[in-house]
Amino acid sequence: MSLAAKLRRAPARIAAGAFILNSGVGKLSGDEATANGIHATAAGAYPVVKKVEPKLFLKALAVGEIAVGSALLLPIVPAGLAGLALTGFAGALVGMYIKTPALHDKYLRPTGAGVAIAKDSWLLGIGTGLVVDAALSESRVTRTED
């Protein structure tokens, strides 16, 4: 991979990675009220989450966020792989936003309660951008011979 590609991707990887890693580390010490609130929101959008105890769900979410954040921050993780992880994570967050009517109006504009989750759409954009950029950078069609 070229130095130009690494430099081009670095700002997005650092911004998203640091944000997600910090969020995950913060959730590791979450209390019962935090666990119940996050669990209830997630379970409302994804019913399978109801089967998981809230405190365990919070810990699993924290570990997942730490893994995704670390993948983005570690340059040894290929951009495409880090982008796929971020796209999956952010896609679930955007899905939760869309499936939770209290977070938005009928035009998907965020309510006061939805602003914190609506902003995660930029994570989906960064993840998708990393995947597309990595795919095009490694494609025979777009690669130029030096």
N, C-alpha and C. Protein backbone atom coordinates (compact mmCIF):
# COMPACT_ATOMS: atom_id res chain seq x y z
N MET A 1 0.85 -1.17 0.00
CA MET A 1 0.00 0.00 0.00
C MET A 1 0.90 1.23 0.00
N SER A 2 0.48 2.21 -0.73
CA SER A 2 1.30 3.41 -0.87
C SER A 2 1.20 4.30 0.37
N LEU A 3 2.22 5.10 0.54
CA LEU A 3 2.23 6.06 1.63
C LEU A 3 1.08 7.05 1.46
N ALA A 4 0.79 7.43 0.22
CA ALA A 4 -0.31 8.36 -0.04
C ALA A 4 -1.64 7.79 0.46
N ALA A 5 -1.87 6.51 0.23
CA ALA A 5 -3.12 5.88 0.69
C ALA A 5 -3.19 5.88 2.21
N LYS A 6 -2.08 5.54 2.86
CA LYS A 6 -2.07 5.53 4.32
C LYS A 6 -2.33 6.93 4.88
N LEU A 7 -1.70 7.93 4.30
CA LEU A 7 -1.90 9.30 4.76
C LEU A 7 -3.33 9.79 4.49
N ARG A 8 -3.88 9.39 3.36
CA ARG A 8 -5.24 9.78 2.98
C ARG A 8 -6.26 9.21 3.97
N ARG A 9 -6.02 8.02 4.44
CA ARG A 9 -6.98 7.34 5.33
C ARG A 9 -6.76 7.67 6.80
N ALA A 10 -5.58 8.14 7.15
CA ALA A 10 -5.23 8.33 8.56
C ALA A 10 -6.18 9.25 9.33
N PRO A 11 -6.52 10.43 8.83
CA PRO A 11 -7.39 11.30 9.64
C PRO A 11 -8.74 10.66 10.00
N ALA A 12 -9.36 10.00 9.06
CA ALA A 12 -10.65 9.36 9.33
C ALA A 12 -10.49 8.20 10.30
N ARG A 13 -9.43 7.41 10.11
CA ARG A 13 -9.20 6.27 11.00
C ARG A 13 -8.92 6.74 12.43
N ILE A 14 -8.13 7.80 12.56
CA ILE A 14 -7.79 8.31 13.89
C ILE A 14 -9.01 8.90 14.57
N ALA A 15 -9.76 9.73 13.86
CA ALA A 15 -10.93 10.37 14.46
C ALA A 15 -11.97 9.34 14.91
N ALA A 16 -12.34 8.44 14.00
CA ALA A 16 -13.35 7.43 14.35
C ALA A 16 -12.81 6.46 15.39
N GLY A 17 -11.57 6.03 15.22
CA GLY A 17 -10.99 5.05 16.14
C GLY A 17 -10.89 5.58 17.56
N ALA A 18 -10.40 6.80 17.72
CA ALA A 18 -10.26 7.39 19.05
C ALA A 18 -11.63 7.57 19.70
N PHE A 19 -12.60 8.01 18.93
CA PHE A 19 -13.95 8.23 19.45
C PHE A 19 -14.56 6.91 19.95
N ILE A 20 -14.47 5.87 19.12
CA ILE A 20 -15.08 4.58 19.48
C ILE A 20 -14.32 3.92 20.62
N LEU A 21 -13.00 3.97 20.58
CA LEU A 21 -12.20 3.38 21.66
C LEU A 21 -12.54 4.04 22.99
N ASN A 22 -12.63 5.36 23.01
CA ASN A 22 -12.98 6.08 24.23
C ASN A 22 -14.37 5.67 24.73
N SER A 23 -15.31 5.54 23.82
CA SER A 23 -16.66 5.14 24.18
C SER A 23 -16.66 3.74 24.80
N GLY A 24 -15.90 2.83 24.22
CA GLY A 24 -15.83 1.48 24.75
C GLY A 24 -15.19 1.41 26.12
N VAL A 25 -14.10 2.14 26.30
CA VAL A 25 -13.42 2.16 27.60
C VAL A 25 -14.36 2.73 28.66
N GLY A 26 -15.12 3.76 28.31
CA GLY A 26 -16.07 4.34 29.25
C GLY A 26 -17.17 3.36 29.65
N LYS A 27 -17.59 2.53 28.72
CA LYS A 27 -18.66 1.56 29.01
C LYS A 27 -18.18 0.42 29.90
N LEU A 28 -16.88 0.15 29.94
CA LEU A 28 -16.37 -0.94 30.78
C LEU A 28 -16.73 -0.74 32.24
N SER A 29 -16.80 0.49 32.68
CA SER A 29 -17.12 0.77 34.08
C SER A 29 -18.55 1.27 34.24
N GLY A 30 -19.40 0.99 33.27
CA GLY A 30 -20.78 1.46 33.33
C GLY A 30 -21.55 0.83 34.49
N ASP A 31 -22.41 1.62 35.10
CA ASP A 31 -23.21 1.13 36.22
C ASP A 31 -24.49 0.45 35.74
N GLU A 32 -25.28 0.01 36.67
CA GLU A 32 -26.51 -0.72 36.36
C GLU A 32 -27.50 0.13 35.57
N ALA A 33 -27.62 1.40 35.93
CA ALA A 33 -28.55 2.29 35.22
C ALA A 33 -28.12 2.48 33.77
N THR A 34 -26.82 2.65 33.54
CA THR A 34 -26.30 2.79 32.18
C THR A 34 -26.57 1.52 31.39
N ALA A 35 -26.28 0.38 32.01
CA ALA A 35 -26.50 -0.91 31.35
C ALA A 35 -27.97 -1.08 30.97
N ASN A 36 -28.86 -0.77 31.90
CA ASN A 36 -30.30 -0.92 31.63
C ASN A 36 -30.77 0.01 30.52
N GLY A 37 -30.28 1.25 30.50
CA GLY A 37 -30.70 2.21 29.48
C GLY A 37 -30.23 1.82 28.09
N ILE A 38 -28.96 1.47 27.98
CA ILE A 38 -28.42 1.07 26.67
C ILE A 38 -29.05 -0.22 26.21
N HIS A 39 -29.24 -1.15 27.13
CA HIS A 39 -29.86 -2.43 26.80
C HIS A 39 -31.29 -2.23 26.31
N ALA A 40 -32.04 -1.40 26.97
CA ALA A 40 -33.44 -1.16 26.59
C ALA A 40 -33.54 -0.54 25.20
N THR A 41 -32.68 0.41 24.91
CA THR A 41 -32.68 1.04 23.58
C THR A 41 -32.32 0.03 22.50
N ALA A 42 -31.28 -0.75 22.75
CA ALA A 42 -30.86 -1.75 21.76
C ALA A 42 -31.91 -2.84 21.59
N ALA A 43 -32.50 -3.29 22.69
CA ALA A 43 -33.51 -4.35 22.63
C ALA A 43 -34.78 -3.88 21.91
N GLY A 44 -35.07 -2.59 22.00
CA GLY A 44 -36.23 -2.06 21.29
C GLY A 44 -36.07 -2.15 19.78
N ALA A 45 -34.85 -2.02 19.33
CA ALA A 45 -34.57 -2.08 17.89
C ALA A 45 -34.25 -3.50 17.44
N TYR A 46 -33.56 -4.23 18.28
CA TYR A 46 -33.13 -5.59 17.95
C TYR A 46 -33.62 -6.54 19.05
N PRO A 47 -34.80 -7.14 18.89
CA PRO A 47 -35.41 -7.96 19.94
C PRO A 47 -34.54 -9.09 20.48
N VAL A 48 -33.62 -9.61 19.70
CA VAL A 48 -32.76 -10.69 20.18
C VAL A 48 -31.92 -10.25 21.38
N VAL A 49 -31.68 -8.96 21.52
CA VAL A 49 -30.89 -8.42 22.63
C VAL A 49 -31.61 -8.63 23.96
N LYS A 50 -32.93 -8.77 23.94
CA LYS A 50 -33.70 -8.98 25.18
C LYS A 50 -33.24 -10.23 25.91
N LYS A 51 -32.69 -11.19 25.21
CA LYS A 51 -32.25 -12.45 25.81
C LYS A 51 -30.94 -12.31 26.60
N VAL A 52 -30.27 -11.19 26.43
CA VAL A 52 -28.98 -10.96 27.09
C VAL A 52 -29.18 -10.06 28.29
N GLU A 53 -28.58 -10.42 29.41
CA GLU A 53 -28.66 -9.63 30.63
C GLU A 53 -28.01 -8.26 30.38
N PRO A 54 -28.61 -7.15 30.85
CA PRO A 54 -28.12 -5.81 30.54
C PRO A 54 -26.64 -5.57 30.86
N LYS A 55 -26.18 -6.00 32.00
CA LYS A 55 -24.78 -5.76 32.38
C LYS A 55 -23.83 -6.51 31.44
N LEU A 56 -24.19 -7.74 31.08
CA LEU A 56 -23.38 -8.52 30.14
C LEU A 56 -23.39 -7.87 28.76
N PHE A 57 -24.56 -7.38 28.34
CA PHE A 57 -24.66 -6.69 27.06
C PHE A 57 -23.75 -5.47 27.03
N LEU A 58 -23.76 -4.70 28.11
CA LEU A 58 -22.91 -3.50 28.18
C LEU A 58 -21.43 -3.87 28.07
N LYS A 59 -21.02 -4.93 28.77
CA LYS A 59 -19.61 -5.37 28.70
C LYS A 59 -19.26 -5.83 27.30
N ALA A 60 -20.16 -6.60 26.67
CA ALA A 60 -19.90 -7.08 25.31
C ALA A 60 -19.83 -5.91 24.33
N LEU A 61 -20.71 -4.94 24.50
CA LEU A 61 -20.68 -3.75 23.65
C LEU A 61 -19.36 -2.99 23.85
N ALA A 62 -18.93 -2.87 25.10
CA ALA A 62 -17.67 -2.19 25.40
C ALA A 62 -16.50 -2.89 24.72
N VAL A 63 -16.45 -4.21 24.83
CA VAL A 63 -15.36 -4.97 24.21
C VAL A 63 -15.41 -4.82 22.69
N GLY A 64 -16.61 -4.84 22.12
CA GLY A 64 -16.76 -4.65 20.67
C GLY A 64 -16.28 -3.28 20.23
N GLU A 65 -16.64 -2.26 20.99
CA GLU A 65 -16.20 -0.91 20.65
C GLU A 65 -14.68 -0.77 20.78
N ILE A 66 -14.12 -1.37 21.80
CA ILE A 66 -12.66 -1.32 21.97
C ILE A 66 -11.98 -2.03 20.80
N ALA A 67 -12.54 -3.15 20.36
CA ALA A 67 -11.96 -3.89 19.24
C ALA A 67 -12.03 -3.08 17.94
N VAL A 68 -13.18 -2.49 17.67
CA VAL A 68 -13.34 -1.70 16.44
C VAL A 68 -12.45 -0.46 16.50
N GLY A 69 -12.46 0.24 17.63
CA GLY A 69 -11.62 1.43 17.78
C GLY A 69 -10.14 1.10 17.62
N SER A 70 -9.71 0.01 18.21
CA SER A 70 -8.31 -0.41 18.10
C SER A 70 -7.95 -0.78 16.68
N ALA A 71 -8.85 -1.48 15.99
CA ALA A 71 -8.60 -1.87 14.59
C ALA A 71 -8.39 -0.63 13.73
N LEU A 72 -9.15 0.40 14.00
CA LEU A 72 -9.00 1.64 13.23
C LEU A 72 -7.70 2.36 13.56
N LEU A 73 -7.29 2.31 14.80
CA LEU A 73 -6.09 3.05 15.23
C LEU A 73 -4.79 2.32 14.92
N LEU A 74 -4.83 1.01 14.82
CA LEU A 74 -3.61 0.25 14.57
C LEU A 74 -3.31 0.18 13.08
N PRO A 75 -2.22 0.77 12.64
CA PRO A 75 -1.93 0.79 11.20
C PRO A 75 -1.64 -0.59 10.61
N ILE A 76 -1.39 -1.60 11.45
CA ILE A 76 -1.16 -2.94 10.91
C ILE A 76 -2.45 -3.62 10.44
N VAL A 77 -3.59 -3.08 10.87
CA VAL A 77 -4.88 -3.62 10.41
C VAL A 77 -5.18 -2.99 9.06
N PRO A 78 -5.38 -3.81 8.02
CA PRO A 78 -5.66 -3.25 6.69
C PRO A 78 -6.89 -2.35 6.70
N ALA A 79 -6.85 -1.30 5.90
CA ALA A 79 -7.94 -0.32 5.85
C ALA A 79 -9.27 -0.96 5.49
N GLY A 80 -9.25 -1.89 4.56
CA GLY A 80 -10.49 -2.55 4.16
C GLY A 80 -11.12 -3.32 5.31
N LEU A 81 -10.30 -4.04 6.07
CA LEU A 81 -10.80 -4.81 7.20
C LEU A 81 -11.31 -3.89 8.31
N ALA A 82 -10.54 -2.86 8.63
CA ALA A 82 -10.98 -1.89 9.64
C ALA A 82 -12.27 -1.20 9.19
N GLY A 83 -12.35 -0.89 7.90
CA GLY A 83 -13.55 -0.27 7.34
C GLY A 83 -14.77 -1.18 7.42
N LEU A 84 -14.56 -2.47 7.17
CA LEU A 84 -15.67 -3.43 7.28
C LEU A 84 -16.18 -3.51 8.72
N ALA A 85 -15.25 -3.55 9.68
CA ALA A 85 -15.65 -3.59 11.09
C ALA A 85 -16.44 -2.33 11.46
N LEU A 86 -15.94 -1.19 11.03
CA LEU A 86 -16.62 0.07 11.33
C LEU A 86 -17.97 0.16 10.64
N THR A 87 -18.04 -0.29 9.41
CA THR A 87 -19.31 -0.25 8.67
C THR A 87 -20.37 -1.13 9.34
N GLY A 88 -19.97 -2.31 9.78
CA GLY A 88 -20.91 -3.19 10.48
C GLY A 88 -21.38 -2.59 11.79
N PHE A 89 -20.45 -2.05 12.56
CA PHE A 89 -20.79 -1.43 13.84
C PHE A 89 -21.70 -0.23 13.64
N ALA A 90 -21.30 0.66 12.75
CA ALA A 90 -22.08 1.88 12.51
C ALA A 90 -23.42 1.55 11.86
N GLY A 91 -23.44 0.55 11.00
CA GLY A 91 -24.71 0.14 10.38
C GLY A 91 -25.72 -0.30 11.43
N ALA A 92 -25.25 -1.01 12.46
CA ALA A 92 -26.14 -1.42 13.55
C ALA A 92 -26.65 -0.21 14.32
N LEU A 93 -25.79 0.78 14.53
CA LEU A 93 -26.21 1.99 15.24
C LEU A 93 -27.23 2.79 14.43
N VAL A 94 -26.99 2.92 13.14
CA VAL A 94 -27.93 3.65 12.28
C VAL A 94 -29.25 2.88 12.20
N GLY A 95 -29.16 1.55 12.14
CA GLY A 95 -30.38 0.73 12.15
C GLY A 95 -31.18 0.94 13.42
N MET A 96 -30.50 1.02 14.54
CA MET A 96 -31.19 1.26 15.81
C MET A 96 -31.86 2.64 15.80
N TYR A 97 -31.18 3.62 15.25
CA TYR A 97 -31.75 4.96 15.14
C TYR A 97 -33.04 4.92 14.31
N ILE A 98 -32.97 4.26 13.17
CA ILE A 98 -34.13 4.20 12.27
C ILE A 98 -35.29 3.43 12.90
N LYS A 99 -34.98 2.36 13.63
CA LYS A 99 -36.02 1.50 14.22
C LYS A 99 -36.59 2.03 15.53
N THR A 100 -36.06 3.13 16.04
CA THR A 100 -36.53 3.69 17.31
C THR A 100 -37.23 5.02 17.06
N PRO A 101 -38.56 5.01 16.97
CA PRO A 101 -39.31 6.22 16.62
C PRO A 101 -39.07 7.42 17.54
N ALA A 102 -38.76 7.18 18.80
CA ALA A 102 -38.54 8.30 19.72
C ALA A 102 -37.27 9.09 19.40
N LEU A 103 -36.41 8.54 18.55
CA LEU A 103 -35.14 9.20 18.24
C LEU A 103 -35.23 10.15 17.05
N HIS A 104 -36.33 10.09 16.30
CA HIS A 104 -36.44 10.94 15.10
C HIS A 104 -37.89 11.25 14.78
N ASP A 105 -38.08 12.26 13.94
CA ASP A 105 -39.42 12.57 13.48
C ASP A 105 -39.73 11.72 12.23
N LYS A 106 -40.85 11.98 11.59
CA LYS A 106 -41.22 11.14 10.45
C LYS A 106 -40.32 11.33 9.24
N TYR A 107 -39.50 12.36 9.24
CA TYR A 107 -38.56 12.60 8.14
C TYR A 107 -37.13 12.17 8.50
N LEU A 108 -36.99 11.43 9.61
CA LEU A 108 -35.72 10.94 10.14
C LEU A 108 -34.81 12.04 10.68
N ARG A 109 -35.37 13.24 10.88
CA ARG A 109 -34.59 14.29 11.55
C ARG A 109 -34.56 13.97 13.04
N PRO A 110 -33.39 14.07 13.68
CA PRO A 110 -33.31 13.65 15.08
C PRO A 110 -34.09 14.53 16.03
N THR A 111 -34.68 13.87 17.02
CA THR A 111 -35.28 14.58 18.15
C THR A 111 -34.13 14.90 19.10
N GLY A 112 -34.42 15.57 20.18
CA GLY A 112 -33.38 15.85 21.17
C GLY A 112 -32.72 14.57 21.66
N ALA A 113 -33.52 13.54 21.87
CA ALA A 113 -32.99 12.26 22.34
C ALA A 113 -32.20 11.53 21.25
N GLY A 114 -32.46 11.85 20.00
CA GLY A 114 -31.83 11.13 18.90
C GLY A 114 -30.54 11.71 18.38
N VAL A 115 -30.19 12.92 18.79
CA VAL A 115 -28.99 13.56 18.26
C VAL A 115 -27.73 12.73 18.54
N ALA A 116 -27.63 12.18 19.74
CA ALA A 116 -26.43 11.42 20.11
C ALA A 116 -26.24 10.18 19.23
N ILE A 117 -27.31 9.61 18.74
CA ILE A 117 -27.21 8.42 17.88
C ILE A 117 -27.20 8.80 16.41
N ALA A 118 -27.91 9.85 16.03
CA ALA A 118 -27.94 10.27 14.62
C ALA A 118 -26.56 10.64 14.13
N LYS A 119 -25.74 11.17 15.00
CA LYS A 119 -24.39 11.55 14.59
C LYS A 119 -23.56 10.34 14.18
N ASP A 120 -23.98 9.15 14.54
CA ASP A 120 -23.22 7.95 14.17
C ASP A 120 -23.29 7.66 12.67
N SER A 121 -24.11 8.41 11.97
CA SER A 121 -24.16 8.25 10.51
C SER A 121 -22.81 8.60 9.89
N TRP A 122 -22.06 9.51 10.51
CA TRP A 122 -20.73 9.82 9.97
C TRP A 122 -19.78 8.64 10.11
N LEU A 123 -19.98 7.80 11.14
CA LEU A 123 -19.16 6.60 11.26
C LEU A 123 -19.44 5.64 10.11
N LEU A 124 -20.70 5.54 9.72
CA LEU A 124 -21.06 4.69 8.59
C LEU A 124 -20.41 5.22 7.31
N GLY A 125 -20.39 6.52 7.13
CA GLY A 125 -19.74 7.12 5.97
C GLY A 125 -18.24 6.87 5.95
N ILE A 126 -17.60 6.99 7.11
CA ILE A 126 -16.15 6.74 7.18
C ILE A 126 -15.86 5.28 6.89
N GLY A 127 -16.62 4.38 7.48
CA GLY A 127 -16.40 2.95 7.25
C GLY A 127 -16.57 2.57 5.79
N THR A 128 -17.63 3.07 5.20
CA THR A 128 -17.88 2.79 3.78
C THR A 128 -16.77 3.38 2.92
N GLY A 129 -16.34 4.58 3.25
CA GLY A 129 -15.25 5.21 2.51
C GLY A 129 -13.96 4.42 2.59
N LEU A 130 -13.64 3.88 3.76
CA LEU A 130 -12.43 3.08 3.90
C LEU A 130 -12.51 1.81 3.06
N VAL A 131 -13.67 1.17 3.07
CA VAL A 131 -13.83 -0.07 2.29
C VAL A 131 -13.70 0.23 0.80
N VAL A 132 -14.39 1.25 0.34
CA VAL A 132 -14.35 1.60 -1.09
C VAL A 132 -12.94 2.02 -1.50
N ASP A 133 -12.31 2.85 -0.68
CA ASP A 133 -10.96 3.31 -1.00
C ASP A 133 -9.98 2.14 -1.06
N ALA A 134 -10.08 1.23 -0.10
CA ALA A 134 -9.19 0.07 -0.10
C ALA A 134 -9.45 -0.81 -1.31
N ALA A 135 -10.71 -1.02 -1.64
CA ALA A 135 -11.04 -1.86 -2.80
C ALA A 135 -10.54 -1.24 -4.09
N LEU A 136 -10.72 0.04 -4.25
CA LEU A 136 -10.28 0.70 -5.48
C LEU A 136 -8.76 0.84 -5.55
N SER A 137 -8.12 1.02 -4.41
CA SER A 137 -6.66 1.15 -4.40
C SER A 137 -5.98 -0.17 -4.75
N GLU A 138 -6.64 -1.27 -4.48
CA GLU A 138 -6.05 -2.58 -4.71
C GLU A 138 -6.57 -3.21 -5.97
N SER A 139 -7.46 -2.55 -6.65
CA SER A 139 -8.06 -3.09 -7.88
C SER A 139 -7.11 -2.96 -9.07
N ARG A 140 -7.08 -3.97 -9.89
CA ARG A 140 -6.27 -3.88 -11.11
C ARG A 140 -6.79 -2.81 -12.06
N VAL A 141 -8.08 -2.55 -11.98
CA VAL A 141 -8.70 -1.56 -12.88
C VAL A 141 -8.20 -0.15 -12.56
N THR A 142 -8.08 0.17 -11.28
CA THR A 142 -7.72 1.53 -10.91
C THR A 142 -6.24 1.71 -10.57
N ARG A 143 -5.53 0.63 -10.39
CA ARG A 143 -4.11 0.74 -10.02
C ARG A 143 -3.29 1.15 -11.23
N THR A 144 -2.43 2.11 -11.03
CA THR A 144 -1.53 2.54 -12.11
C THR A 144 -0.16 1.95 -11.85
N GLU A 145 0.49 1.56 -12.88
CA GLU A 145 1.84 1.00 -12.77
C GLU A 145 2.83 2.14 -12.69
N ASP A 146 3.78 2.01 -11.76
CA ASP A 146 4.82 3.04 -11.60
C ASP A 146 5.95 2.82 -12.55
